[in-house]
Amino acid sequence: MPVRTEPAMGTLVTIRVLPSGGESDAAIDRAFSWFHEIERRCTRFSEASELMQLAAQPGMPVAASPILFEAVRFALLVAEESGGAFDPTLGHRMQARGFDRHHRTGETLRTAADDAATYRDVQLDAVHRTITLLRPLTLDLGAVAKGLAIDTAARELAPFGDFAIDAGGDLYLGGCNDRGAPWSIGIRHPRREGELIARLTVSNQAVCTSGDYERVIDGGEHHILDPQTGASPRHAASATVVASGAMLADALATAAFVLGPAEGIDLLTRMGVEGLIVTKELDQHQTQGLCRVA
């Protein structure tokens, strides 16, 4: 079973394909190339990225590649569906919190932005495939871009049937494991290192989790922000989403985390995905259909 791990998008990406041979090796090469290409276009940590070239031209319609346009289009759709709980225009706030360093080069990047900017200040023209930033702002496409890379890599591997992609805990599981059964996935306990709080069984689905234990800074703040308050949400410890694709699962996990258990589960149900939200008190709230994959 070919297994390969490479650094990409600020994490380690591991790809496993159960059928072996030269064809699967070539497909793994192509899958990793998508991670690197999407990162190159969508990162906010490099002045040379297409995303940051867009940020340097506020008020101007800027022609976008299919990759960047799709990432931004999808991010705005989730922002609208979640009532702004997911907002891709928080890049400058993330920079202000110290999340401004490239994971490989150590390069830091700070940009000017209008603090009042929201996702409604990003305008798309699908006919001409342009993006216009109506105010100075920095897009943070982290969750969307990584999900897009996972989904694109999964399409490269789909002909082999049985495979797994793990991008720093964000997963896509194709087909079955090496025992011919659906993949069994453990959900990390948000407070007990090395323990699981739930286990899921999935096939041809993505599983993504947002947690308050990742990238913690002083005062208990972390990398997930509530766009309404500018602070880290206080209701949830983690939110896990099971969906047909990682881009959807990752973005909705962030939105559900921000919304908290009641509104978050309502959003996931309305969007037709399954999920689990664990509160600070370790109470578990889940969609009705999660029992079918637990």
C-alpha atoms as a PDB file:
ATOM      1  CA  MET A   1       0.000   0.000   0.000  1.00  0.00           C
ATOM      2  CA  PRO A   2       1.708   3.214  -1.131  1.00  0.00           C
ATOM      3  CA  VAL A   3       1.873   5.818   1.651  1.00  0.00           C
ATOM      4  CA  ARG A   4       3.458   9.241   1.302  1.00  0.00           C
ATOM      5  CA  THR A   5       3.677  12.285   3.575  1.00  0.00           C
ATOM      6  CA  GLU A   6       4.636  15.816   2.535  1.00  0.00           C
ATOM      7  CA  PRO A   7       4.378  19.252   4.187  1.00  0.00           C
ATOM      8  CA  ALA A   8       1.735  21.515   2.630  1.00  0.00           C
ATOM      9  CA  MET A   9      -0.590  24.274   3.777  1.00  0.00           C
ATOM     10  CA  GLY A  10       0.971  24.568   7.202  1.00  0.00           C
ATOM     11  CA  THR A  11       0.543  20.900   8.081  1.00  0.00           C
ATOM     12  CA  LEU A  12       1.591  17.401   7.086  1.00  0.00           C
ATOM     13  CA  VAL A  13      -0.453  15.714   4.374  1.00  0.00           C
ATOM     14  CA  THR A  14      -0.509  11.917   4.207  1.00  0.00           C
ATOM     15  CA  ILE A  15      -1.970  10.014   1.276  1.00  0.00           C
ATOM     16  CA  ARG A  16      -2.586   6.258   1.266  1.00  0.00           C
ATOM     17  CA  VAL A  17      -3.748   4.286  -1.760  1.00  0.00           C
ATOM     18  CA  LEU A  18      -4.524   0.610  -1.255  1.00  0.00           C
ATOM     19  CA  PRO A  19      -3.821  -0.634  -4.803  1.00  0.00           C
ATOM     20  CA  SER A  20      -0.075  -0.498  -5.437  1.00  0.00           C
ATOM     21  CA  GLY A  21       1.923   0.066  -8.569  1.00  0.00           C
ATOM     22  CA  GLY A  22       3.245   2.752 -10.861  1.00  0.00           C
ATOM     23  CA  GLU A  23      -0.174   4.129 -11.730  1.00  0.00           C
ATOM     24  CA  SER A  24      -1.049   4.820  -8.103  1.00  0.00           C
ATOM     25  CA  ASP A  25       2.362   6.436  -7.528  1.00  0.00           C
ATOM     26  CA  ALA A  26       1.728   8.805 -10.434  1.00  0.00           C
ATOM     27  CA  ALA A  27      -1.728   9.633  -9.102  1.00  0.00           C
ATOM     28  CA  ILE A  28      -0.249  10.426  -5.682  1.00  0.00           C
ATOM     29  CA  ASP A  29       2.224  12.748  -7.413  1.00  0.00           C
ATOM     30  CA  ARG A  30      -0.654  14.576  -9.080  1.00  0.00           C
ATOM     31  CA  ALA A  31      -2.621  14.712  -5.841  1.00  0.00           C
ATOM     32  CA  PHE A  32       0.248  16.387  -3.997  1.00  0.00           C
ATOM     33  CA  SER A  33       0.793  18.780  -6.884  1.00  0.00           C
ATOM     34  CA  TRP A  34      -2.730  20.098  -6.322  1.00  0.00           C
ATOM     35  CA  PHE A  35      -1.975  20.825  -2.674  1.00  0.00           C
ATOM     36  CA  HIS A  36       1.090  22.837  -3.655  1.00  0.00           C
ATOM     37  CA  GLU A  37      -0.624  24.665  -6.522  1.00  0.00           C
ATOM     38  CA  ILE A  38      -3.680  25.625  -4.474  1.00  0.00           C
ATOM     39  CA  GLU A  39      -1.479  26.766  -1.599  1.00  0.00           C
ATOM     40  CA  ARG A  40       0.644  28.839  -3.991  1.00  0.00           C
ATOM     41  CA  ARG A  41      -2.429  30.654  -5.273  1.00  0.00           C
ATOM     42  CA  CYS A  42      -4.489  30.962  -2.077  1.00  0.00           C
ATOM     43  CA  THR A  43      -2.015  31.572   0.743  1.00  0.00           C
ATOM     44  CA  ARG A  44      -2.040  34.895   2.595  1.00  0.00           C
ATOM     45  CA  PHE A  45       1.532  34.363   3.793  1.00  0.00           C
ATOM     46  CA  SER A  46       3.337  35.326   0.586  1.00  0.00           C
ATOM     47  CA  GLU A  47       3.272  38.614  -1.293  1.00  0.00           C
ATOM     48  CA  ALA A  48       3.724  36.647  -4.519  1.00  0.00           C
ATOM     49  CA  SER A  49       0.525  34.591  -4.110  1.00  0.00           C
ATOM     50  CA  GLU A  50      -2.436  35.318  -6.332  1.00  0.00           C
ATOM     51  CA  LEU A  51      -4.519  36.000  -3.215  1.00  0.00           C
ATOM     52  CA  MET A  52      -2.155  38.693  -1.945  1.00  0.00           C
ATOM     53  CA  GLN A  53      -1.847  40.227  -5.403  1.00  0.00           C
ATOM     54  CA  LEU A  54      -5.634  40.593  -5.253  1.00  0.00           C
ATOM     55  CA  ALA A  55      -5.376  42.208  -1.792  1.00  0.00           C
ATOM     56  CA  ALA A  56      -2.969  44.783  -3.214  1.00  0.00           C
ATOM     57  CA  GLN A  57      -5.613  46.070  -5.658  1.00  0.00           C
ATOM     58  CA  PRO A  58      -8.706  47.098  -3.647  1.00  0.00           C
ATOM     59  CA  GLY A  59     -11.467  48.718  -5.683  1.00  0.00           C
ATOM     60  CA  MET A  60     -10.297  47.119  -8.919  1.00  0.00           C
ATOM     61  CA  PRO A  61     -11.811  44.095 -10.673  1.00  0.00           C
ATOM     62  CA  VAL A  62      -8.981  41.565 -10.794  1.00  0.00           C
ATOM     63  CA  ALA A  63      -8.959  38.575 -13.130  1.00  0.00           C
ATOM     64  CA  ALA A  64      -8.760  35.372 -11.099  1.00  0.00           C
ATOM     65  CA  SER A  65      -7.625  31.854 -11.855  1.00  0.00           C
ATOM     66  CA  PRO A  66     -10.285  29.128 -11.692  1.00  0.00           C
ATOM     67  CA  ILE A  67      -8.743  27.938  -8.409  1.00  0.00           C
ATOM     68  CA  LEU A  68      -8.877  31.284  -6.615  1.00  0.00           C
ATOM     69  CA  PHE A  69     -12.272  32.194  -8.028  1.00  0.00           C
ATOM     70  CA  GLU A  70     -13.800  28.900  -6.883  1.00  0.00           C
ATOM     71  CA  ALA A  71     -12.279  29.185  -3.394  1.00  0.00           C
ATOM     72  CA  VAL A  72     -13.600  32.721  -2.943  1.00  0.00           C
ATOM     73  CA  ARG A  73     -16.988  31.908  -4.485  1.00  0.00           C
ATOM     74  CA  PHE A  74     -17.467  28.971  -2.149  1.00  0.00           C
ATOM     75  CA  ALA A  75     -16.312  30.937   0.899  1.00  0.00           C
ATOM     76  CA  LEU A  76     -18.861  33.656   0.177  1.00  0.00           C
ATOM     77  CA  LEU A  77     -21.645  31.086  -0.236  1.00  0.00           C
ATOM     78  CA  VAL A  78     -20.885  29.585   3.180  1.00  0.00           C
ATOM     79  CA  ALA A  79     -20.654  33.081   4.671  1.00  0.00           C
ATOM     80  CA  GLU A  80     -24.116  33.877   3.342  1.00  0.00           C
ATOM     81  CA  GLU A  81     -25.630  30.551   4.443  1.00  0.00           C
ATOM     82  CA  SER A  82     -24.161  30.902   7.950  1.00  0.00           C
ATOM     83  CA  GLY A  83     -25.246  34.508   8.416  1.00  0.00           C
ATOM     84  CA  GLY A  84     -21.626  35.618   8.551  1.00  0.00           C
ATOM     85  CA  ALA A  85     -20.498  33.104  11.186  1.00  0.00           C
ATOM     86  CA  PHE A  86     -18.000  32.018   8.561  1.00  0.00           C
ATOM     87  CA  ASP A  87     -16.323  35.095   7.088  1.00  0.00           C
ATOM     88  CA  PRO A  88     -13.251  34.844   4.835  1.00  0.00           C
ATOM     89  CA  THR A  89     -12.350  38.550   5.287  1.00  0.00           C
ATOM     90  CA  LEU A  90     -10.713  38.087   8.701  1.00  0.00           C
ATOM     91  CA  GLY A  91      -7.159  37.835   7.404  1.00  0.00           C
ATOM     92  CA  HIS A  92      -6.020  41.131   8.951  1.00  0.00           C
ATOM     93  CA  ARG A  93      -7.435  40.129  12.344  1.00  0.00           C
ATOM     94  CA  MET A  94      -5.550  36.852  12.137  1.00  0.00           C
ATOM     95  CA  GLN A  95      -2.385  38.771  11.331  1.00  0.00           C
ATOM     96  CA  ALA A  96      -2.937  41.017  14.336  1.00  0.00           C
ATOM     97  CA  ARG A  97      -3.124  37.918  16.540  1.00  0.00           C
ATOM     98  CA  GLY A  98       0.261  36.745  15.339  1.00  0.00           C
ATOM     99  CA  PHE A  99      -0.945  34.229  12.754  1.00  0.00           C
ATOM    100  CA  ASP A 100       1.216  35.889  10.126  1.00  0.00           C
ATOM    101  CA  ARG A 101       4.169  33.558   9.619  1.00  0.00           C
ATOM    102  CA  HIS A 102       4.744  31.261   6.634  1.00  0.00           C
ATOM    103  CA  HIS A 103       5.071  27.690   7.874  1.00  0.00           C
ATOM    104  CA  ARG A 104       8.086  26.892   5.682  1.00  0.00           C
ATOM    105  CA  THR A 105      10.002  30.142   5.199  1.00  0.00           C
ATOM    106  CA  GLY A 106       9.175  31.914   8.460  1.00  0.00           C
ATOM    107  CA  GLU A 107       8.313  34.991   6.391  1.00  0.00           C
ATOM    108  CA  THR A 108       5.904  37.384   8.129  1.00  0.00           C
ATOM    109  CA  LEU A 109       3.431  39.520   6.260  1.00  0.00           C
ATOM    110  CA  ARG A 110       1.191  42.332   7.495  1.00  0.00           C
ATOM    111  CA  THR A 111      -1.317  44.141   5.300  1.00  0.00           C
ATOM    112  CA  ALA A 112      -3.516  47.194   5.700  1.00  0.00           C
ATOM    113  CA  ALA A 113      -7.253  46.583   5.959  1.00  0.00           C
ATOM    114  CA  ASP A 114     -10.507  48.270   6.838  1.00  0.00           C
ATOM    115  CA  ASP A 115     -11.680  46.865  10.186  1.00  0.00           C
ATOM    116  CA  ALA A 116     -15.293  47.262   9.076  1.00  0.00           C
ATOM    117  CA  ALA A 117     -14.844  45.003   6.041  1.00  0.00           C
ATOM    118  CA  THR A 118     -16.985  41.857   5.801  1.00  0.00           C
ATOM    119  CA  TYR A 119     -17.670  39.202   3.200  1.00  0.00           C
ATOM    120  CA  ARG A 120     -20.221  41.563   1.658  1.00  0.00           C
ATOM    121  CA  ASP A 121     -17.296  43.720   0.503  1.00  0.00           C
ATOM    122  CA  VAL A 122     -16.125  41.017  -1.914  1.00  0.00           C
ATOM    123  CA  GLN A 123     -17.772  41.185  -5.346  1.00  0.00           C
ATOM    124  CA  LEU A 124     -17.607  38.427  -7.943  1.00  0.00           C
ATOM    125  CA  ASP A 125     -18.217  38.637 -11.675  1.00  0.00           C
ATOM    126  CA  ALA A 126     -18.748  35.078 -12.892  1.00  0.00           C
ATOM    127  CA  VAL A 127     -18.967  36.103 -16.551  1.00  0.00           C
ATOM    128  CA  HIS A 128     -15.553  37.759 -16.620  1.00  0.00           C
ATOM    129  CA  ARG A 129     -14.195  35.716 -13.679  1.00  0.00           C
ATOM    130  CA  THR A 130     -13.043  38.724 -11.734  1.00  0.00           C
ATOM    131  CA  ILE A 131     -12.941  39.509  -8.017  1.00  0.00           C
ATOM    132  CA  THR A 132     -13.310  43.036  -6.660  1.00  0.00           C
ATOM    133  CA  LEU A 133     -12.499  43.961  -3.067  1.00  0.00           C
ATOM    134  CA  LEU A 134     -14.733  46.933  -2.328  1.00  0.00           C
ATOM    135  CA  ARG A 135     -12.613  47.881   0.702  1.00  0.00           C
ATOM    136  CA  PRO A 136      -8.991  47.169   1.653  1.00  0.00           C
ATOM    137  CA  LEU A 137      -9.069  43.695   3.200  1.00  0.00           C
ATOM    138  CA  THR A 138      -7.165  40.440   3.426  1.00  0.00           C
ATOM    139  CA  LEU A 139      -8.942  37.202   2.667  1.00  0.00           C
ATOM    140  CA  ASP A 140      -8.158  34.169   4.814  1.00  0.00           C
ATOM    141  CA  LEU A 141      -9.028  31.104   2.738  1.00  0.00           C
ATOM    142  CA  GLY A 142      -7.290  28.586   4.998  1.00  0.00           C
ATOM    143  CA  ALA A 143     -10.209  26.234   5.637  1.00  0.00           C
ATOM    144  CA  VAL A 144     -11.654  26.562   2.136  1.00  0.00           C
ATOM    145  CA  ALA A 145      -8.347  26.199   0.293  1.00  0.00           C
ATOM    146  CA  LYS A 146      -7.260  23.120   2.230  1.00  0.00           C
ATOM    147  CA  GLY A 147     -10.654  21.546   1.670  1.00  0.00           C
ATOM    148  CA  LEU A 148     -10.449  22.345  -2.039  1.00  0.00           C
ATOM    149  CA  ALA A 149      -7.004  20.712  -2.190  1.00  0.00           C
ATOM    150  CA  ILE A 150      -8.284  17.580  -0.440  1.00  0.00           C
ATOM    151  CA  ASP A 151     -11.283  17.333  -2.770  1.00  0.00           C
ATOM    152  CA  THR A 152      -9.162  17.862  -5.880  1.00  0.00           C
ATOM    153  CA  ALA A 153      -6.633  15.290  -4.719  1.00  0.00           C
ATOM    154  CA  ALA A 154      -9.495  12.874  -4.024  1.00  0.00           C
ATOM    155  CA  ARG A 155     -10.650  13.196  -7.626  1.00  0.00           C
ATOM    156  CA  GLU A 156      -7.178  12.165  -8.790  1.00  0.00           C
ATOM    157  CA  LEU A 157      -7.311   9.090  -6.561  1.00  0.00           C
ATOM    158  CA  ALA A 158     -10.950   8.142  -7.166  1.00  0.00           C
ATOM    159  CA  PRO A 159     -10.173   5.604  -9.949  1.00  0.00           C
ATOM    160  CA  PHE A 160      -8.360   3.457  -7.357  1.00  0.00           C
ATOM    161  CA  GLY A 161     -11.443   3.225  -5.141  1.00  0.00           C
ATOM    162  CA  ASP A 162      -9.810   2.722  -1.751  1.00  0.00           C
ATOM    163  CA  PHE A 163      -7.662   5.544  -0.406  1.00  0.00           C
ATOM    164  CA  ALA A 164      -7.270   8.005   2.457  1.00  0.00           C
ATOM    165  CA  ILE A 165      -6.143  11.625   2.573  1.00  0.00           C
ATOM    166  CA  ASP A 166      -5.195  13.153   5.928  1.00  0.00           C
ATOM    167  CA  ALA A 167      -4.314  16.858   5.866  1.00  0.00           C
ATOM    168  CA  GLY A 168      -3.563  17.692   9.471  1.00  0.00           C
ATOM    169  CA  GLY A 169      -6.634  15.833  10.724  1.00  0.00           C
ATOM    170  CA  ASP A 170      -8.950  16.939   7.928  1.00  0.00           C
ATOM    171  CA  LEU A 171      -9.819  13.732   6.123  1.00  0.00           C
ATOM    172  CA  TYR A 172     -11.269  12.278   2.968  1.00  0.00           C
ATOM    173  CA  LEU A 173     -11.819   8.510   3.017  1.00  0.00           C
ATOM    174  CA  GLY A 174     -12.459   6.776  -0.281  1.00  0.00           C
ATOM    175  CA  GLY A 175     -13.966   3.301  -0.462  1.00  0.00           C
ATOM    176  CA  CYS A 176     -12.777   0.844   2.183  1.00  0.00           C
ATOM    177  CA  ASN A 177      -9.758   0.149   4.354  1.00  0.00           C
ATOM    178  CA  ASP A 178      -7.329  -2.740   3.889  1.00  0.00           C
ATOM    179  CA  ARG A 179      -9.792  -5.107   5.602  1.00  0.00           C
ATOM    180  CA  GLY A 180     -12.507  -4.304   3.081  1.00  0.00           C
ATOM    181  CA  ALA A 181     -14.608  -2.405   5.614  1.00  0.00           C
ATOM    182  CA  PRO A 182     -15.570   1.291   5.742  1.00  0.00           C
ATOM    183  CA  TRP A 183     -12.953   3.494   7.353  1.00  0.00           C
ATOM    184  CA  SER A 184     -13.165   3.896  11.151  1.00  0.00           C
ATOM    185  CA  ILE A 185     -12.272   7.437  12.274  1.00  0.00           C
ATOM    186  CA  GLY A 186     -11.652   8.648  15.802  1.00  0.00           C
ATOM    187  CA  ILE A 187     -12.689  12.160  16.890  1.00  0.00           C
ATOM    188  CA  ARG A 188     -10.167  13.717  19.247  1.00  0.00           C
ATOM    189  CA  HIS A 189     -11.255  14.455  22.800  1.00  0.00           C
ATOM    190  CA  PRO A 190     -10.877  18.246  23.103  1.00  0.00           C
ATOM    191  CA  ARG A 191      -9.561  18.095  26.678  1.00  0.00           C
ATOM    192  CA  ARG A 192      -7.811  14.745  27.113  1.00  0.00           C
ATOM    193  CA  GLU A 193      -4.656  14.290  25.111  1.00  0.00           C
ATOM    194  CA  GLY A 194      -4.524  10.953  23.341  1.00  0.00           C
ATOM    195  CA  GLU A 195      -8.190  10.106  23.955  1.00  0.00           C
ATOM    196  CA  LEU A 196     -11.182   9.967  21.614  1.00  0.00           C
ATOM    197  CA  ILE A 197     -14.602  11.419  22.311  1.00  0.00           C
ATOM    198  CA  ALA A 198     -16.358   9.635  19.438  1.00  0.00           C
ATOM    199  CA  ARG A 199     -15.746   7.229  16.588  1.00  0.00           C
ATOM    200  CA  LEU A 200     -17.283   7.365  13.109  1.00  0.00           C
ATOM    201  CA  THR A 201     -17.493   4.896  10.223  1.00  0.00           C
ATOM    202  CA  VAL A 202     -17.332   6.535   6.815  1.00  0.00           C
ATOM    203  CA  SER A 203     -16.829   5.744   3.140  1.00  0.00           C
ATOM    204  CA  ASN A 204     -16.459   8.222   0.277  1.00  0.00           C
ATOM    205  CA  GLN A 205     -16.867  11.132   2.673  1.00  0.00           C
ATOM    206  CA  ALA A 206     -14.855  13.904   4.282  1.00  0.00           C
ATOM    207  CA  VAL A 207     -14.506  14.437   8.033  1.00  0.00           C
ATOM    208  CA  CYS A 208     -13.211  17.796   9.296  1.00  0.00           C
ATOM    209  CA  THR A 209     -12.924  19.160  12.842  1.00  0.00           C
ATOM    210  CA  SER A 210     -12.422  22.663  14.225  1.00  0.00           C
ATOM    211  CA  GLY A 211     -11.226  22.796  17.834  1.00  0.00           C
ATOM    212  CA  ASP A 212     -10.218  25.356  20.440  1.00  0.00           C
ATOM    213  CA  TYR A 213      -7.125  23.291  21.281  1.00  0.00           C
ATOM    214  CA  GLU A 214      -5.400  24.190  17.995  1.00  0.00           C
ATOM    215  CA  ARG A 215      -2.990  27.142  17.779  1.00  0.00           C
ATOM    216  CA  VAL A 216      -3.835  28.609  21.188  1.00  0.00           C
ATOM    217  CA  ILE A 217      -2.457  32.038  22.129  1.00  0.00           C
ATOM    218  CA  ASP A 218      -2.455  34.019  25.373  1.00  0.00           C
ATOM    219  CA  GLY A 219      -5.637  34.261  27.423  1.00  0.00           C
ATOM    220  CA  GLY A 220      -7.234  31.156  25.942  1.00  0.00           C
ATOM    221  CA  GLU A 221      -7.769  32.825  22.565  1.00  0.00           C
ATOM    222  CA  HIS A 222      -7.134  30.734  19.465  1.00  0.00           C
ATOM    223  CA  HIS A 223      -7.211  30.815  15.670  1.00  0.00           C
ATOM    224  CA  ILE A 224     -11.009  30.666  15.258  1.00  0.00           C
ATOM    225  CA  LEU A 225     -12.696  34.053  15.475  1.00  0.00           C
ATOM    226  CA  ASP A 226     -16.304  35.112  15.796  1.00  0.00           C
ATOM    227  CA  PRO A 227     -16.638  37.756  13.040  1.00  0.00           C
ATOM    228  CA  GLN A 228     -19.232  39.614  15.116  1.00  0.00           C
ATOM    229  CA  THR A 229     -17.050  40.055  18.213  1.00  0.00           C
ATOM    230  CA  GLY A 230     -13.516  39.680  16.900  1.00  0.00           C
ATOM    231  CA  ALA A 231     -12.824  37.233  19.745  1.00  0.00           C
ATOM    232  CA  SER A 232     -12.669  33.459  19.985  1.00  0.00           C
ATOM    233  CA  PRO A 233     -16.103  31.853  20.500  1.00  0.00           C
ATOM    234  CA  ARG A 234     -16.714  30.630  24.040  1.00  0.00           C
ATOM    235  CA  HIS A 235     -19.482  28.047  23.574  1.00  0.00           C
ATOM    236  CA  ALA A 236     -17.802  25.157  21.746  1.00  0.00           C
ATOM    237  CA  ALA A 237     -14.683  23.098  22.330  1.00  0.00           C
ATOM    238  CA  SER A 238     -14.860  21.351  18.958  1.00  0.00           C
ATOM    239  CA  ALA A 239     -17.093  20.910  15.942  1.00  0.00           C
ATOM    240  CA  THR A 240     -16.837  17.949  13.558  1.00  0.00           C
ATOM    241  CA  VAL A 241     -18.622  17.726  10.212  1.00  0.00           C
ATOM    242  CA  VAL A 242     -19.120  14.739   7.897  1.00  0.00           C
ATOM    243  CA  ALA A 243     -19.909  15.754   4.322  1.00  0.00           C
ATOM    244  CA  SER A 244     -19.499  14.670   0.731  1.00  0.00           C
ATOM    245  CA  GLY A 245     -16.458  16.933   0.332  1.00  0.00           C
ATOM    246  CA  ALA A 246     -13.762  18.442   2.525  1.00  0.00           C
ATOM    247  CA  MET A 247     -14.264  22.028   1.355  1.00  0.00           C
ATOM    248  CA  LEU A 248     -17.855  21.900   2.602  1.00  0.00           C
ATOM    249  CA  ALA A 249     -16.995  19.991   5.780  1.00  0.00           C
ATOM    250  CA  ASP A 250     -14.107  22.275   6.759  1.00  0.00           C
ATOM    251  CA  ALA A 251     -15.974  25.536   6.206  1.00  0.00           C
ATOM    252  CA  LEU A 252     -19.108  24.302   7.988  1.00  0.00           C
ATOM    253  CA  ALA A 253     -17.059  23.000  10.929  1.00  0.00           C
ATOM    254  CA  THR A 254     -15.719  26.525  11.409  1.00  0.00           C
ATOM    255  CA  ALA A 255     -19.179  28.080  11.067  1.00  0.00           C
ATOM    256  CA  ALA A 256     -20.765  25.572  13.472  1.00  0.00           C
ATOM    257  CA  PHE A 257     -17.996  26.165  16.008  1.00  0.00           C
ATOM    258  CA  VAL A 258     -18.672  29.914  15.906  1.00  0.00           C
ATOM    259  CA  LEU A 259     -22.450  29.501  16.132  1.00  0.00           C
ATOM    260  CA  GLY A 260     -22.358  27.080  19.047  1.00  0.00           C
ATOM    261  CA  PRO A 261     -24.426  23.942  19.647  1.00  0.00           C
ATOM    262  CA  ALA A 262     -27.990  25.075  18.979  1.00  0.00           C
ATOM    263  CA  GLU A 263     -27.521  27.282  15.924  1.00  0.00           C
ATOM    264  CA  GLY A 264     -24.599  25.188  14.713  1.00  0.00           C
ATOM    265  CA  ILE A 265     -26.590  21.958  14.585  1.00  0.00           C
ATOM    266  CA  ASP A 266     -29.440  23.826  12.888  1.00  0.00           C
ATOM    267  CA  LEU A 267     -27.013  25.033  10.196  1.00  0.00           C
ATOM    268  CA  LEU A 268     -25.574  21.556   9.613  1.00  0.00           C
ATOM    269  CA  THR A 269     -29.041  20.033   9.368  1.00  0.00           C
ATOM    270  CA  ARG A 270     -30.171  22.696   6.919  1.00  0.00           C
ATOM    271  CA  MET A 271     -27.065  22.130   4.789  1.00  0.00           C
ATOM    272  CA  GLY A 272     -27.694  18.378   4.642  1.00  0.00           C
ATOM    273  CA  VAL A 273     -24.523  17.261   6.426  1.00  0.00           C
ATOM    274  CA  GLU A 274     -23.888  15.398   9.680  1.00  0.00           C
ATOM    275  CA  GLY A 275     -21.980  16.738  12.634  1.00  0.00           C
ATOM    276  CA  LEU A 276     -21.034  16.731  16.294  1.00  0.00           C
ATOM    277  CA  ILE A 277     -20.473  19.817  18.457  1.00  0.00           C
ATOM    278  CA  VAL A 278     -18.801  19.400  21.844  1.00  0.00           C
ATOM    279  CA  THR A 279     -19.323  22.254  24.310  1.00  0.00           C
ATOM    280  CA  LYS A 280     -16.797  23.654  26.792  1.00  0.00           C
ATOM    281  CA  GLU A 281     -18.566  21.529  29.418  1.00  0.00           C
ATOM    282  CA  LEU A 282     -18.075  18.473  27.164  1.00  0.00           C
ATOM    283  CA  ASP A 283     -21.776  18.092  26.396  1.00  0.00           C
ATOM    284  CA  GLN A 284     -22.305  16.528  22.968  1.00  0.00           C
ATOM    285  CA  HIS A 285     -24.813  17.814  20.421  1.00  0.00           C
ATOM    286  CA  GLN A 286     -25.220  16.001  17.128  1.00  0.00           C
ATOM    287  CA  THR A 287     -27.346  15.917  14.012  1.00  0.00           C
ATOM    288  CA  GLN A 288     -30.024  13.251  13.886  1.00  0.00           C
ATOM    289  CA  GLY A 289     -28.303  11.341  11.101  1.00  0.00           C
ATOM    290  CA  LEU A 290     -24.891  11.111  12.772  1.00  0.00           C
ATOM    291  CA  CYS A 291     -25.942   7.855  14.426  1.00  0.00           C
ATOM    292  CA  ARG A 292     -25.798   6.253  10.990  1.00  0.00           C
ATOM    293  CA  VAL A 293     -22.051   6.880  10.778  1.00  0.00           C
ATOM    294  CA  ALA A 294     -21.176   6.563  14.477  1.00  0.00           C
END
